[in-house]
């Protein structure tokens, strides 16, 4: 394995994917954490040529701020009824910074910190908002235990240097950052150069393989060398802590934990890397999505257990919803979204809990 910082020192190819029996994001496996992925609206100020038709809209389709706040409170109420009092909310779009009440929503979430064991927030954004807006964002999230941003770099619209400088400002204010780049096969080398520009500036880059039209597998056309870079390249590193401590390097961050059928632990830096190994089929596994995590989608306002799940919705933001009373079996052929893949799950019959104090496991 290369000693180059552009590649991981941890060999992900050694993970025995065919023998894994439990999967999950480590923060979810180790805490009473309830996780929410919330698409605030499809409205976006960019018109990227490669964007999915359903991924954006010219229409301002945001729900009223007060409805968002009351839904947020109801999510917490139901989660607490199930024993969860730590929370992670992830907001996306469209472009979430365009929601007129977004900063108010964040202040409301931040102000409840005293009633929670733990709170964190994540945002996926094109980073088009000005530096003044991001200064307000830092204030609105100042008390949370962890704040993170995934910034999608769209070369058609974004200035590379300004994009970099905004992320460095956020890192200097204790915000964990990573850059999202879809590595289209026919433009792979140009995109790799862009990724290197950010990576060498001390910014994490997520190399996403391009999905096919049905979002079930990665597209064909990658060379062996390109697949190797997708599987091992651009490891996630704790640059934010390193920058705050004035260090030049930091060890890799391993966000995902696997357990194999012998009880051995394995790790991966991010769930986005799953698809590069064609490891996203959990049909028949017990999954805690819908019990300790949900997603809210627009434009229809549906509330579901996960993005790619075939289940009927749990409800709607306008009419209400009910969380599952216990974890359910996965019924979806392909767990396409990384937000779905990292929700703790185990092969049926596996004698491992999905979170501390997992009473659904203890009751067996």
Protein backbone atom coordinates (compact mmCIF):
# COMPACT_ATOMS: atom_id res chain seq x y z
CA UNK A 1 0.00 0.00 0.00
CA UNK A 2 1.29 3.46 -0.90
CA UNK A 3 2.58 5.70 1.91
CA UNK A 4 1.16 8.67 0.01
CA UNK A 5 -1.36 10.63 2.12
CA UNK A 6 -3.75 10.45 -0.85
CA UNK A 7 -4.30 6.77 -0.02
CA UNK A 8 -5.41 5.03 3.14
CA UNK A 9 -2.92 3.23 5.38
CA UNK A 10 -5.83 0.99 6.41
CA UNK A 11 -6.39 -1.57 3.66
CA UNK A 12 -10.16 -1.63 3.07
CA UNK A 13 -9.72 -4.46 0.55
CA UNK A 14 -8.94 -6.84 3.45
CA UNK A 15 -12.45 -6.45 4.92
CA UNK A 16 -14.27 -9.83 4.58
CA UNK A 17 -17.51 -8.37 3.21
CA UNK A 18 -19.04 -11.81 2.64
CA UNK A 19 -18.64 -12.70 6.34
CA UNK A 20 -19.88 -9.50 8.01
CA UNK A 21 -22.79 -9.86 10.43
CA UNK A 22 -23.17 -6.36 11.89
CA UNK A 23 -22.71 -2.95 10.26
CA UNK A 24 -23.14 0.55 11.57
CA UNK A 25 -21.78 4.02 12.06
CA UNK A 26 -19.72 3.95 15.25
CA UNK A 27 -21.48 6.96 16.78
CA UNK A 28 -24.80 5.14 16.34
CA UNK A 29 -23.51 1.82 17.69
CA UNK A 30 -22.00 3.47 20.75
CA UNK A 31 -24.69 5.99 21.79
CA UNK A 32 -28.43 6.26 22.42
CA UNK A 33 -28.43 8.29 19.22
CA UNK A 34 -31.53 9.00 17.13
CA UNK A 35 -30.66 10.02 13.57
CA UNK A 36 -32.72 12.22 11.21
CA UNK A 37 -31.98 13.00 7.55
CA UNK A 38 -34.16 15.95 6.50
CA UNK A 39 -34.48 17.17 2.93
CA UNK A 40 -35.79 20.71 3.49
CA UNK A 41 -36.84 21.28 -0.13
CA UNK A 42 -35.76 20.69 -3.72
CA UNK A 43 -35.26 24.40 -4.49
CA UNK A 44 -31.68 25.05 -5.63
CA UNK A 45 -29.80 28.02 -7.07
CA UNK A 46 -27.53 25.81 -9.22
CA UNK A 47 -28.41 24.05 -12.49
CA UNK A 48 -25.75 21.37 -12.73
CA UNK A 49 -25.82 19.49 -16.03
CA UNK A 50 -25.32 16.12 -14.29
CA UNK A 51 -27.94 16.61 -11.55
CA UNK A 52 -30.75 14.06 -11.34
CA UNK A 53 -34.04 15.56 -12.63
CA UNK A 54 -35.70 15.00 -9.24
CA UNK A 55 -32.72 16.38 -7.30
CA UNK A 56 -33.51 20.07 -7.73
CA UNK A 57 -36.28 22.53 -8.54
CA UNK A 58 -36.65 26.17 -9.61
CA UNK A 59 -39.73 26.39 -7.39
CA UNK A 60 -39.45 27.52 -3.77
CA UNK A 61 -41.03 24.52 -2.06
CA UNK A 62 -40.07 25.01 1.59
CA UNK A 63 -42.44 24.05 4.40
CA UNK A 64 -43.34 26.83 6.87
CA UNK A 65 -40.71 27.25 9.57
CA UNK A 66 -43.18 26.70 12.42
CA UNK A 67 -44.23 23.34 10.90
CA UNK A 68 -40.57 22.31 10.72
CA UNK A 69 -40.07 23.28 14.39
CA UNK A 70 -43.15 21.38 15.60
CA UNK A 71 -42.11 18.30 13.57
CA UNK A 72 -38.62 18.47 15.05
CA UNK A 73 -40.10 18.53 18.56
CA UNK A 74 -42.43 15.59 17.79
CA UNK A 75 -39.51 13.53 16.47
CA UNK A 76 -37.69 14.07 19.74
CA UNK A 77 -40.78 13.20 21.78
CA UNK A 78 -41.28 9.86 20.03
CA UNK A 79 -37.55 9.08 20.12
CA UNK A 80 -37.43 9.73 23.87
CA UNK A 81 -40.41 7.42 24.34
CA UNK A 82 -38.20 4.68 22.84
CA UNK A 83 -35.23 5.45 25.10
CA UNK A 84 -33.20 7.73 22.82
CA UNK A 85 -32.09 11.13 24.13
CA UNK A 86 -29.12 11.84 21.89
CA UNK A 87 -29.78 13.31 18.46
CA UNK A 88 -28.15 13.83 15.09
CA UNK A 89 -30.01 15.90 12.49
CA UNK A 90 -28.72 16.08 8.92
CA UNK A 91 -30.21 18.78 6.67
CA UNK A 92 -30.00 18.81 2.87
CA UNK A 93 -31.89 19.85 -0.26
CA UNK A 94 -31.93 21.15 -2.97
CA UNK A 95 -29.90 23.78 -1.23
CA UNK A 96 -30.81 23.94 2.49
CA UNK A 97 -29.30 27.39 3.10
CA UNK A 98 -32.08 28.82 0.90
CA UNK A 99 -34.80 27.87 3.41
CA UNK A 100 -35.82 31.26 4.83
CA UNK A 101 -36.11 29.88 8.37
CA UNK A 102 -33.06 27.63 8.39
CA UNK A 103 -31.01 29.64 10.91
CA UNK A 104 -34.06 29.85 13.20
CA UNK A 105 -34.43 26.06 12.97
CA UNK A 106 -30.79 25.62 13.96
CA UNK A 107 -31.12 28.03 16.90
CA UNK A 108 -34.19 26.08 18.10
CA UNK A 109 -32.28 22.79 17.88
CA UNK A 110 -29.20 24.28 19.55
CA UNK A 111 -31.25 25.70 22.46
CA UNK A 112 -32.48 22.22 23.49
CA UNK A 113 -28.93 21.02 24.22
CA UNK A 114 -29.53 21.23 27.99
CA UNK A 115 -32.24 18.55 27.75
CA UNK A 116 -30.19 16.06 25.70
CA UNK A 117 -27.35 13.66 26.38
CA UNK A 118 -25.77 14.64 23.07
CA UNK A 119 -26.64 16.67 19.97
CA UNK A 120 -24.97 17.04 16.59
CA UNK A 121 -25.93 18.51 13.24
CA UNK A 122 -24.84 17.97 9.65
CA UNK A 123 -25.57 19.91 6.46
CA UNK A 124 -25.07 19.01 2.81
CA UNK A 125 -24.66 22.24 0.83
CA UNK A 126 -23.25 23.65 -2.38
CA UNK A 127 -21.52 26.27 -0.18
CA UNK A 128 -22.89 29.13 -2.30
CA UNK A 129 -23.95 31.19 0.73
CA UNK A 130 -21.63 34.09 1.57
CA UNK A 131 -19.12 34.11 4.40
CA UNK A 132 -21.45 36.37 6.41
CA UNK A 133 -24.13 33.66 6.36
CA UNK A 134 -21.64 31.05 7.55
CA UNK A 135 -20.61 33.30 10.44
CA UNK A 136 -24.28 33.24 11.53
CA UNK A 137 -24.30 29.46 11.06
CA UNK A 138 -21.37 29.10 13.45
CA UNK A 139 -23.26 31.13 16.08
CA UNK A 140 -26.51 29.17 15.58
CA UNK A 141 -24.76 25.83 16.20
CA UNK A 142 -22.18 26.95 18.79
CA UNK A 143 -23.36 24.76 21.71
CA UNK A 144 -23.74 21.47 19.82
CA UNK A 145 -21.35 18.62 20.54
CA UNK A 146 -20.45 18.19 16.88
CA UNK A 147 -21.13 20.24 13.75
CA UNK A 148 -20.25 18.95 10.28
CA UNK A 149 -20.74 19.94 6.65
CA UNK A 150 -20.55 18.05 3.37
CA UNK A 151 -19.85 20.61 0.66
CA UNK A 152 -20.68 19.54 -2.89
CA UNK A 153 -18.19 21.09 -5.29
CA UNK A 154 -19.78 21.98 -8.64
CA UNK A 155 -17.10 23.30 -10.96
CA UNK A 156 -19.70 24.75 -13.34
CA UNK A 157 -20.62 27.37 -10.74
CA UNK A 158 -18.16 27.45 -7.81
CA UNK A 159 -14.83 29.26 -7.57
CA UNK A 160 -12.22 26.79 -6.36
CA UNK A 161 -10.28 29.21 -4.15
CA UNK A 162 -13.36 30.78 -2.53
CA UNK A 163 -14.78 27.31 -1.93
CA UNK A 164 -11.55 26.26 -0.20
CA UNK A 165 -11.38 29.42 1.92
CA UNK A 166 -14.95 29.04 3.23
CA UNK A 167 -14.22 25.48 4.35
CA UNK A 168 -10.99 26.53 6.08
CA UNK A 169 -12.97 29.26 7.92
CA UNK A 170 -15.46 26.60 9.06
CA UNK A 171 -12.67 24.27 10.20
CA UNK A 172 -11.14 27.11 12.21
CA UNK A 173 -14.53 27.39 13.95
CA UNK A 174 -14.65 23.69 14.92
CA UNK A 175 -16.88 22.57 12.04
CA UNK A 176 -15.90 19.19 10.56
CA UNK A 177 -15.89 19.40 6.77
CA UNK A 178 -15.69 17.14 3.75
CA UNK A 179 -16.09 17.80 0.03
CA UNK A 180 -18.41 15.63 -2.05
CA UNK A 181 -17.26 14.81 -5.59
CA UNK A 182 -19.03 12.42 -7.97
CA UNK A 183 -16.23 10.81 -9.99
CA UNK A 184 -17.79 10.58 -13.46
CA UNK A 185 -15.69 8.00 -15.42
CA UNK A 186 -15.18 10.10 -18.57
CA UNK A 187 -14.00 13.10 -16.50
CA UNK A 188 -12.24 11.13 -13.79
CA UNK A 189 -8.72 12.52 -14.21
CA UNK A 190 -9.85 16.16 -14.26
CA UNK A 191 -11.98 15.54 -11.17
CA UNK A 192 -9.03 13.81 -9.50
CA UNK A 193 -6.93 16.96 -10.00
CA UNK A 194 -9.68 19.04 -8.36
CA UNK A 195 -9.82 16.54 -5.49
CA UNK A 196 -6.04 16.78 -5.04
CA UNK A 197 -6.25 20.60 -4.88
CA UNK A 198 -8.58 20.37 -1.88
CA UNK A 199 -6.97 17.33 -0.29
CA UNK A 200 -3.55 18.99 -0.32
CA UNK A 201 -5.08 22.09 1.29
CA UNK A 202 -6.02 19.95 4.32
CA UNK A 203 -9.64 19.34 3.33
CA UNK A 204 -11.35 15.94 3.30
CA UNK A 205 -12.71 14.78 -0.05
CA UNK A 206 -15.35 12.07 -0.51
CA UNK A 207 -14.87 10.28 -3.83
CA UNK A 208 -18.34 9.09 -4.85
CA UNK A 209 -18.72 6.53 -7.63
CA UNK A 210 -21.37 7.53 -10.14
CA UNK A 211 -24.59 5.51 -9.81
CA UNK A 212 -26.55 4.09 -12.73
CA UNK A 213 -29.96 5.51 -13.70
CA UNK A 214 -31.80 3.21 -11.31
CA UNK A 215 -29.35 4.03 -8.49
CA UNK A 216 -28.71 0.34 -7.80
CA UNK A 217 -25.07 -0.07 -8.91
CA UNK A 218 -22.14 2.05 -9.98
CA UNK A 219 -21.88 2.79 -13.67
CA UNK A 220 -19.55 0.90 -15.96
CA UNK A 221 -16.50 2.56 -17.48
CA UNK A 222 -14.07 2.81 -14.56
CA UNK A 223 -10.57 1.47 -15.20
CA UNK A 224 -8.90 -0.81 -12.67
CA UNK A 225 -6.70 2.06 -11.53
CA UNK A 226 -9.68 4.36 -11.09
CA UNK A 227 -11.54 1.74 -9.03
CA UNK A 228 -8.44 1.38 -6.85
CA UNK A 229 -8.47 5.12 -6.18
CA UNK A 230 -12.20 5.00 -5.37
CA UNK A 231 -11.67 2.11 -2.97
CA UNK A 232 -8.55 3.38 -1.20
CA UNK A 233 -8.09 7.02 -2.17
CA UNK A 234 -8.61 10.23 -0.18
CA UNK A 235 -8.91 8.74 3.35
CA UNK A 236 -10.84 10.89 5.81
CA UNK A 237 -8.55 12.67 8.29
CA UNK A 238 -9.22 14.86 11.31
CA UNK A 239 -8.00 18.05 9.64
CA UNK A 240 -10.22 20.27 11.79
CA UNK A 241 -8.56 19.16 15.03
CA UNK A 242 -5.18 19.27 13.32
CA UNK A 243 -5.75 22.86 12.18
CA UNK A 244 -6.92 23.92 15.65
CA UNK A 245 -3.84 22.29 17.23
CA UNK A 246 -1.54 23.64 14.51
CA UNK A 247 -0.49 20.12 13.53
CA UNK A 248 0.24 19.18 9.94
CA UNK A 249 -1.23 15.70 9.99
CA UNK A 250 -3.77 13.65 11.92
CA UNK A 251 -4.67 9.93 11.94
CA UNK A 252 -7.56 8.66 9.82
CA UNK A 253 -11.14 8.89 11.08
CA UNK A 254 -12.91 5.55 10.96
CA UNK A 255 -16.64 6.29 11.01
CA UNK A 256 -18.01 2.82 10.22
CA UNK A 257 -17.54 -0.42 12.18
CA UNK A 258 -18.11 -3.95 10.93
CA UNK A 259 -18.15 -7.22 12.91
CA UNK A 260 -17.48 -10.48 11.10
CA UNK A 261 -18.82 -13.96 11.96
CA UNK A 262 -15.75 -14.60 14.14
CA UNK A 263 -16.36 -11.47 16.22
CA UNK A 264 -13.50 -9.51 14.66
CA UNK A 265 -13.94 -5.75 14.15
CA UNK A 266 -13.20 -4.03 10.82
CA UNK A 267 -13.40 -0.35 9.95
CA UNK A 268 -14.10 2.05 7.09
CA UNK A 269 -13.68 5.81 7.07
CA UNK A 270 -17.06 6.55 5.45
CA UNK A 271 -20.15 4.73 4.24
CA UNK A 272 -19.84 6.30 0.77
CA UNK A 273 -17.07 3.79 0.12
CA UNK A 274 -19.51 0.84 0.46
CA UNK A 275 -20.70 1.01 -3.12
CA UNK A 276 -17.14 0.79 -4.47
CA UNK A 277 -17.07 -2.75 -3.07
CA UNK A 278 -20.65 -3.58 -4.13
CA UNK A 279 -21.47 -4.00 -0.44
CA UNK A 280 -24.93 -2.48 -0.16
CA UNK A 281 -27.31 -5.45 -0.07
CA UNK A 282 -28.84 -5.96 3.38
CA UNK A 283 -32.16 -7.53 2.42
CA UNK A 284 -33.31 -9.81 5.25
CA UNK A 285 -31.07 -8.16 7.87
CA UNK A 286 -32.55 -6.58 11.00
CA UNK A 287 -32.30 -2.81 10.57
CA UNK A 288 -32.92 -0.09 13.15
CA UNK A 289 -33.99 2.45 10.51
CA UNK A 290 -37.52 3.63 11.25
CA UNK A 291 -37.06 2.83 14.93
CA UNK A 292 -34.06 4.99 15.77
CA UNK A 293 -33.73 6.94 12.51
CA UNK A 294 -35.97 8.50 9.84
CA UNK A 295 -35.75 10.57 6.68
CA UNK A 296 -38.06 13.40 5.59
CA UNK A 297 -38.37 13.96 1.84
CA UNK A 298 -39.72 16.68 -0.36
CA UNK A 299 -41.64 17.71 -2.37
CA UNK A 300 -44.29 15.33 -0.97
CA UNK A 301 -43.30 15.64 2.71
CA UNK A 302 -43.18 11.88 3.25
CA UNK A 303 -41.49 10.49 6.37
CA UNK A 304 -39.80 7.12 5.77
CA UNK A 305 -37.39 4.76 7.49
CA UNK A 306 -34.67 5.50 4.90
CA UNK A 307 -34.03 7.01 1.46
CA UNK A 308 -33.98 3.84 -0.61
CA UNK A 309 -36.33 1.65 1.43
CA UNK A 310 -39.27 -0.05 -0.30
CA UNK A 311 -41.46 0.24 2.82
CA UNK A 312 -44.61 2.32 3.01
CA UNK A 313 -43.97 5.76 4.56
CA UNK A 314 -44.26 6.15 8.34
CA UNK A 315 -46.38 9.23 7.77
CA UNK A 316 -46.21 12.77 6.45
CA UNK A 317 -44.91 16.07 7.77
CA UNK A 318 -48.38 17.60 7.30
CA UNK A 319 -50.47 14.81 8.85
CA UNK A 320 -48.13 13.17 11.39
CA UNK A 321 -46.16 9.94 11.69
CA UNK A 322 -45.39 7.01 13.98
CA UNK A 323 -41.99 5.40 14.49
CA UNK A 324 -41.68 1.60 14.42
CA UNK A 325 -42.12 -0.08 17.82
CA UNK A 326 -39.09 -2.38 17.13
CA UNK A 327 -36.39 -2.78 14.45
CA UNK A 328 -37.70 -4.32 11.21
CA UNK A 329 -36.27 -6.63 8.55
CA UNK A 330 -34.79 -4.90 5.51
CA UNK A 331 -36.92 -5.53 2.42
CA UNK A 332 -34.95 -3.48 -0.13
CA UNK A 333 -32.62 -5.13 -2.71
CA UNK A 334 -29.99 -2.35 -2.66
CA UNK A 335 -29.18 0.11 0.12
CA UNK A 336 -28.12 2.89 -2.25
CA UNK A 337 -27.71 5.90 0.03
CA UNK A 338 -24.81 6.08 2.48
CA UNK A 339 -27.29 7.60 4.95
CA UNK A 340 -29.12 4.25 4.80
CA UNK A 341 -26.07 1.98 4.75
CA UNK A 342 -24.59 3.29 8.00
CA UNK A 343 -27.77 2.85 10.10
CA UNK A 344 -26.94 -0.08 12.46
CA UNK A 345 -28.11 -3.44 11.15
CA UNK A 346 -27.32 -7.10 11.81
CA UNK A 347 -27.87 -10.40 10.03
CA UNK A 348 -30.94 -12.18 11.34
CA UNK A 349 -29.99 -14.28 14.36
CA UNK A 350 -26.80 -12.37 15.13
CA UNK A 351 -26.28 -12.05 18.89
CA UNK A 352 -24.98 -8.47 18.92
CA UNK A 353 -26.78 -5.31 20.14
CA UNK A 354 -27.35 -2.35 17.79
CA UNK A 355 -26.82 0.29 20.50
CA UNK A 356 -26.02 0.35 24.25
CA UNK A 357 -28.98 -0.93 26.22
CA UNK A 358 -30.63 -2.40 23.11
CA UNK A 359 -33.71 -3.90 24.79
CA UNK A 360 -34.94 -5.37 21.48
CA UNK A 361 -31.81 -7.58 21.61
CA UNK A 362 -32.03 -8.29 25.36
CA UNK A 363 -35.66 -9.43 24.95
CA UNK A 364 -34.71 -12.33 22.67
